[in-house]
Amino acid sequence: MNIGDHIRSFLSAEYGFFYLEVSKMKNSMLIIIFLVIMNSGFALTFQGQVVDSRDRLPIPGAGVYIDEKQIFVQTDDEGRFLIIDLDPGAYEIIVKRIGFSENKVIRVLTESVDLIIVLDKKAETIEGIKISETRARERETPVTFSNYNSEEIRENNYGQDIPILLTELPNVFSYSDAGNGFGYTNLKVRGFDQKRIGVMINGVPLNDPEDHQVYWVDMPDFAESISDIQFQRGVGSTLYGVSTFGGAINMETSIFNLEPGLEIYGTYGSYNTYKTGLKFTNQITQNLKTNIRLSRMES
């Protein structure tokens, strides 16, 4: 009897298995091979839209999770999502979005479905905000620094740029191209040039993000608006970048004057260098005050 006469196959619709029975000539041998064909023949698609429960508007950026399958997708601008290649069965679909309550949907998938999932608005409770400073403190911060208070700035300021104002500090070398103290000025600390010195105004970095340079020519008579300067030499407590090897300058601008008033000031020096200006404080309404400063410098 031929081997071909002993091969027979059939498909069981109830279990989805394919049986193959092989018999050889004298030695009777039975080989049963189970091939599961569910994955290729019965893959399902789960899609839907996530909307707001109040106005039924779509919610973009919502996360749709199926934990047991380790599946995560995100809704598009229309609030829609698509998950493919799912096997038939029961799934827990979790939908999350900041500002909305989490929604869990249990669905038994026997065919591809398209659902509408609604989320309820939810007020978020956040933790307190921690504000940290970058200024060094005496006998607390392990860094060499010097402070300039408002009185010292007022006494030594004649209109020069910040680098010239700090030139008397240890390890500081500064100069101006024109020789008059303002305009194109340069600052060096312990041999490091301006690209290695971080400058911050009220905690906001001033260094150019591309080359880390500071152009003092864009800040004429800026010392007139400063109430406090702290200069840290070396790598200290500054949070601005890793390239501030020379040091860091932390400047705080003057606080608003609460009382209405007018102040006129002026200086004069060599090469016909002079500075004139005025400060004006006015109460416009009960809750609105203005502080105005105008200055002019020439040499």
Protein backbone atom coordinates (compact mmCIF):
# COMPACT_ATOMS: atom_id res chain seq x y z
CA MET A 1 0.00 0.00 0.00
CA ASN A 2 1.38 3.46 -0.96
CA ILE A 3 2.18 6.05 1.69
CA GLY A 4 -0.16 8.41 -0.12
CA ASP A 5 -3.04 6.11 0.64
CA HIS A 6 -2.34 6.46 4.35
CA ILE A 7 -2.25 10.26 4.52
CA ARG A 8 -5.43 12.00 5.38
CA SER A 9 -6.21 15.44 6.78
CA PHE A 10 -9.14 17.34 8.01
CA LEU A 11 -9.88 20.73 9.57
CA SER A 12 -11.83 20.96 12.80
CA ALA A 13 -13.97 24.13 12.83
CA GLU A 14 -14.78 23.66 16.50
CA TYR A 15 -11.18 23.82 17.79
CA GLY A 16 -9.40 25.44 14.89
CA PHE A 17 -6.75 22.70 14.70
CA PHE A 18 -5.32 20.92 11.67
CA TYR A 19 -4.69 17.23 12.12
CA LEU A 20 -2.25 15.29 9.91
CA GLU A 21 -2.03 11.52 10.30
CA VAL A 22 0.78 9.63 8.65
CA SER A 23 1.09 5.86 8.54
CA LYS A 24 4.11 4.03 7.20
CA MET A 25 4.05 0.63 5.58
CA LYS A 26 4.59 -1.93 8.32
CA ASN A 27 5.34 0.19 11.35
CA SER A 28 2.25 2.01 12.37
CA MET A 29 3.21 5.50 13.49
CA LEU A 30 0.82 8.36 14.23
CA ILE A 31 2.03 11.97 14.12
CA ILE A 32 -0.38 14.66 15.18
CA ILE A 33 0.55 18.24 14.40
CA PHE A 34 -1.47 21.07 15.87
CA LEU A 35 -1.32 24.27 13.93
CA VAL A 36 -3.16 27.17 15.51
CA ILE A 37 -4.56 29.39 12.81
CA MET A 38 -6.36 31.89 15.02
CA ASN A 39 -3.73 34.65 14.74
CA SER A 40 -3.86 34.97 10.98
CA GLY A 41 -7.54 34.38 10.43
CA PHE A 42 -9.21 36.18 13.33
CA ALA A 43 -7.13 39.37 14.09
CA LEU A 44 -9.44 42.16 15.20
CA THR A 45 -9.28 45.95 15.10
CA PHE A 46 -10.28 48.15 18.01
CA GLN A 47 -10.78 51.83 17.24
CA GLY A 48 -12.74 54.69 18.69
CA GLN A 49 -12.93 58.32 19.72
CA VAL A 50 -12.35 59.93 23.14
CA VAL A 51 -14.67 62.88 23.83
CA ASP A 52 -15.51 65.29 26.65
CA SER A 53 -18.60 64.20 28.58
CA ARG A 54 -19.91 67.79 28.79
CA ASP A 55 -19.83 69.04 25.21
CA ARG A 56 -18.82 65.88 23.31
CA LEU A 57 -15.80 67.63 21.84
CA PRO A 58 -12.84 65.39 20.93
CA ILE A 59 -9.95 65.13 23.40
CA PRO A 60 -6.56 65.00 21.65
CA GLY A 61 -3.49 63.57 23.38
CA ALA A 62 -5.40 61.09 25.55
CA GLY A 63 -3.56 57.86 26.35
CA VAL A 64 -5.30 54.56 25.58
CA TYR A 65 -3.78 51.53 27.38
CA ILE A 66 -4.26 47.78 27.28
CA ASP A 67 -1.99 46.61 30.09
CA GLU A 68 -2.18 42.87 29.50
CA LYS A 69 -0.97 43.37 25.93
CA GLN A 70 1.43 46.21 26.83
CA ILE A 71 -0.22 48.39 24.20
CA PHE A 72 -0.30 52.19 24.36
CA VAL A 73 -1.61 54.60 21.75
CA GLN A 74 -2.48 58.28 21.81
CA THR A 75 -5.49 60.03 20.35
CA ASP A 76 -4.98 62.38 17.40
CA ASP A 77 -6.32 65.90 16.91
CA GLU A 78 -9.80 64.47 16.34
CA GLY A 79 -9.63 62.38 19.49
CA ARG A 80 -9.45 59.12 17.52
CA PHE A 81 -7.26 56.08 18.14
CA LEU A 82 -6.62 52.74 16.43
CA ILE A 83 -5.36 49.41 17.79
CA ILE A 84 -4.86 46.54 15.35
CA ASP A 85 -4.02 42.80 15.50
CA LEU A 86 -5.99 41.94 18.62
CA ASP A 87 -7.08 38.39 19.39
CA PRO A 88 -10.71 37.74 20.32
CA GLY A 89 -11.22 37.97 24.05
CA ALA A 90 -11.98 40.27 26.97
CA TYR A 91 -9.87 43.41 27.43
CA GLU A 92 -9.71 46.23 29.94
CA ILE A 93 -9.12 49.49 28.08
CA ILE A 94 -7.81 52.36 30.24
CA VAL A 95 -8.10 55.94 28.99
CA LYS A 96 -6.20 58.77 30.71
CA ARG A 97 -5.76 62.49 30.09
CA ILE A 98 -4.46 65.28 32.32
CA GLY A 99 -7.41 67.31 33.58
CA PHE A 100 -9.86 64.41 33.19
CA SER A 101 -10.87 61.46 35.34
CA GLU A 102 -9.54 58.08 34.29
CA ASN A 103 -12.03 55.82 32.50
CA LYS A 104 -11.83 52.03 32.35
CA VAL A 105 -13.82 50.14 29.73
CA ILE A 106 -14.12 46.33 29.78
CA ARG A 107 -14.97 44.95 26.36
CA VAL A 108 -15.30 41.41 25.01
CA LEU A 109 -14.05 41.53 21.45
CA THR A 110 -15.56 39.05 19.05
CA GLU A 111 -15.38 41.39 16.09
CA SER A 112 -13.82 44.72 15.14
CA VAL A 113 -15.48 47.60 16.95
CA ASP A 114 -15.62 51.41 16.88
CA LEU A 115 -16.44 52.97 20.28
CA ILE A 116 -17.09 56.39 21.74
CA ILE A 117 -15.33 56.78 25.12
CA VAL A 118 -16.21 59.76 27.31
CA LEU A 119 -14.04 61.40 29.97
CA ASP A 120 -15.22 63.67 32.79
CA LYS A 121 -13.44 66.91 33.61
CA LYS A 122 -11.48 66.77 36.84
CA ALA A 123 -9.72 69.44 38.87
CA GLU A 124 -6.09 68.46 39.43
CA THR A 125 -4.47 68.92 42.83
CA ILE A 126 -0.76 69.60 42.46
CA GLU A 127 1.99 69.68 45.03
CA GLY A 128 3.46 72.92 46.25
CA ILE A 129 6.01 74.64 44.04
CA LYS A 130 9.54 74.75 45.43
CA ILE A 131 11.50 77.87 44.54
CA SER A 132 15.26 77.50 44.82
CA GLU A 133 17.74 80.34 44.59
CA THR A 134 21.14 80.45 42.93
CA ARG A 135 22.68 82.98 45.30
CA ALA A 136 25.44 81.97 47.68
CA ARG A 137 25.21 82.53 51.45
CA GLU A 138 27.99 83.36 53.87
CA ARG A 139 29.32 80.26 55.70
CA GLU A 140 26.70 78.09 53.99
CA THR A 141 27.75 77.89 50.35
CA PRO A 142 31.24 76.49 49.56
CA VAL A 143 32.13 79.10 46.93
CA THR A 144 34.07 82.35 46.83
CA PHE A 145 31.76 85.29 46.17
CA SER A 146 31.34 89.03 46.61
CA ASN A 147 28.18 91.07 47.11
CA TYR A 148 27.40 94.57 45.89
CA ASN A 149 24.43 96.13 47.62
CA SER A 150 22.39 99.07 46.37
CA GLU A 151 24.39 101.66 48.33
CA GLU A 152 27.74 100.45 46.95
CA ILE A 153 26.35 100.39 43.42
CA ARG A 154 24.98 103.92 43.77
CA GLU A 155 28.27 105.21 45.18
CA ASN A 156 30.50 103.70 42.45
CA ASN A 157 28.22 103.96 39.42
CA TYR A 158 28.90 106.79 37.02
CA GLY A 159 27.36 105.14 33.95
CA GLN A 160 29.95 102.44 33.27
CA ASP A 161 29.00 98.92 32.18
CA ILE A 162 28.73 96.09 34.70
CA PRO A 163 32.21 94.62 33.93
CA ILE A 164 33.87 97.99 34.67
CA LEU A 165 31.80 98.33 37.84
CA LEU A 166 33.16 94.97 39.05
CA THR A 167 36.76 95.61 38.05
CA GLU A 168 37.92 96.19 41.65
CA LEU A 169 36.84 92.71 42.75
CA PRO A 170 39.53 90.02 43.23
CA ASN A 171 40.34 87.83 40.18
CA VAL A 172 38.41 90.19 37.87
CA PHE A 173 39.87 91.91 34.82
CA SER A 174 37.73 94.12 32.60
CA TYR A 175 38.26 96.74 29.91
CA SER A 176 36.33 98.68 27.28
CA ASP A 177 37.33 99.07 23.64
CA ALA A 178 36.79 102.84 23.69
CA GLY A 179 38.44 103.35 27.07
CA ASN A 180 35.51 105.30 28.52
CA GLY A 181 33.94 102.47 30.54
CA PHE A 182 30.86 101.79 28.45
CA GLY A 183 30.04 100.45 25.01
CA TYR A 184 31.95 97.34 23.95
CA THR A 185 33.32 96.05 27.26
CA ASN A 186 34.88 92.72 28.13
CA LEU A 187 35.12 90.71 31.33
CA LYS A 188 37.55 88.01 32.42
CA VAL A 189 37.69 86.06 35.67
CA ARG A 190 40.69 83.94 36.64
CA GLY A 191 41.74 83.91 32.98
CA PHE A 192 38.36 82.73 31.66
CA ASP A 193 36.68 84.94 29.09
CA GLN A 194 33.04 86.01 28.94
CA LYS A 195 31.94 82.71 27.34
CA ARG A 196 32.85 80.95 30.59
CA ILE A 197 31.06 83.42 32.87
CA GLY A 198 27.33 82.96 33.49
CA VAL A 199 25.21 86.11 33.76
CA MET A 200 21.69 86.08 35.17
CA ILE A 201 19.15 88.84 35.72
CA ASN A 202 16.54 87.93 38.35
CA GLY A 203 17.48 84.29 37.77
CA VAL A 204 17.01 84.47 33.99
CA PRO A 205 20.15 83.61 31.95
CA LEU A 206 21.47 86.43 29.78
CA ASN A 207 24.17 84.48 27.92
CA ASP A 208 23.56 83.92 24.25
CA PRO A 209 22.34 80.30 23.82
CA GLU A 210 24.51 79.76 20.74
CA ASP A 211 27.98 80.88 21.81
CA HIS A 212 27.40 81.71 25.53
CA GLN A 213 28.55 85.29 24.91
CA VAL A 214 27.21 88.41 26.64
CA TYR A 215 27.06 91.68 24.74
CA TRP A 216 27.20 94.46 27.33
CA VAL A 217 26.85 97.10 24.60
CA ASP A 218 23.13 96.22 24.51
CA MET A 219 22.74 97.21 28.19
CA PRO A 220 23.76 100.86 28.56
CA ASP A 221 23.54 102.32 32.08
CA PHE A 222 22.08 99.04 33.33
CA ALA A 223 23.66 99.48 36.76
CA GLU A 224 21.16 102.28 37.41
CA SER A 225 18.41 99.65 37.45
CA ILE A 226 20.25 97.16 39.69
CA SER A 227 19.68 96.85 43.43
CA ASP A 228 22.03 93.96 44.20
CA ILE A 229 24.88 92.09 42.49
CA GLN A 230 26.47 88.85 43.63
CA PHE A 231 29.60 87.67 41.85
CA GLN A 232 30.59 84.03 42.33
CA ARG A 233 34.12 83.11 41.30
CA GLY A 234 34.70 79.61 40.03
CA VAL A 235 32.18 76.80 39.68
CA GLY A 236 29.66 77.64 42.38
CA SER A 237 25.97 77.27 43.10
CA THR A 238 24.74 78.70 39.81
CA LEU A 239 22.25 76.53 37.95
CA TYR A 240 23.08 77.92 34.52
CA GLY A 241 25.00 75.41 32.42
CA VAL A 242 28.24 73.54 32.94
CA SER A 243 30.35 76.05 31.02
CA THR A 244 30.44 78.69 33.78
CA PHE A 245 33.95 77.74 34.89
CA GLY A 246 35.03 81.34 35.43
CA GLY A 247 32.13 82.35 37.62
CA ALA A 248 28.61 83.70 37.68
CA ILE A 249 27.04 87.13 38.01
CA ASN A 250 23.62 87.24 39.66
CA MET A 251 21.91 90.62 39.34
CA GLU A 252 18.60 91.68 40.83
CA THR A 253 16.77 94.68 39.46
CA SER A 254 15.49 97.48 41.65
CA ILE A 255 12.13 97.09 43.33
CA PHE A 256 9.35 99.51 42.48
CA ASN A 257 9.17 102.71 44.47
CA LEU A 258 5.83 102.83 46.19
CA GLU A 259 5.81 106.55 46.90
CA PRO A 260 5.29 109.00 43.99
CA GLY A 261 8.35 111.12 43.24
CA LEU A 262 10.86 112.49 40.73
CA GLU A 263 14.66 112.10 40.74
CA ILE A 264 17.08 113.80 38.33
CA TYR A 265 20.74 112.72 38.18
CA GLY A 266 23.82 113.37 36.07
CA THR A 267 27.59 112.87 35.84
CA TYR A 268 30.42 114.38 33.78
CA GLY A 269 34.00 113.24 33.14
CA SER A 270 36.96 113.07 30.77
CA TYR A 271 36.58 113.18 26.97
CA ASN A 272 33.29 115.04 27.45
CA THR A 273 31.72 111.86 28.80
CA TYR A 274 28.43 112.55 30.53
CA LYS A 275 25.27 110.85 31.71
CA THR A 276 21.92 112.46 32.48
CA GLY A 277 18.65 110.86 33.46
CA LEU A 278 15.54 110.93 35.55
CA LYS A 279 13.38 108.50 37.51
CA PHE A 280 9.68 109.08 37.82
CA THR A 281 7.15 107.25 40.00
CA ASN A 282 3.44 107.94 39.67
CA GLN A 283 0.21 106.51 41.06
CA ILE A 284 -2.20 106.16 38.13
CA THR A 285 -5.02 104.30 39.84
CA GLN A 286 -5.47 102.64 43.21
CA ASN A 287 -4.01 99.37 41.93
CA LEU A 288 -1.69 100.71 39.21
CA LYS A 289 1.68 102.40 39.72
CA THR A 290 4.38 103.25 37.18
CA ASN A 291 8.15 103.45 37.59
CA ILE A 292 9.87 105.11 34.63
CA ARG A 293 13.61 105.68 34.12
CA LEU A 294 15.11 107.63 31.21
CA SER A 295 18.84 108.12 30.71
CA ARG A 296 21.22 109.41 28.05
CA MET A 297 24.97 108.80 27.76
CA GLU A 298 27.55 110.24 25.38
CA SER A 299 31.31 110.47 25.14
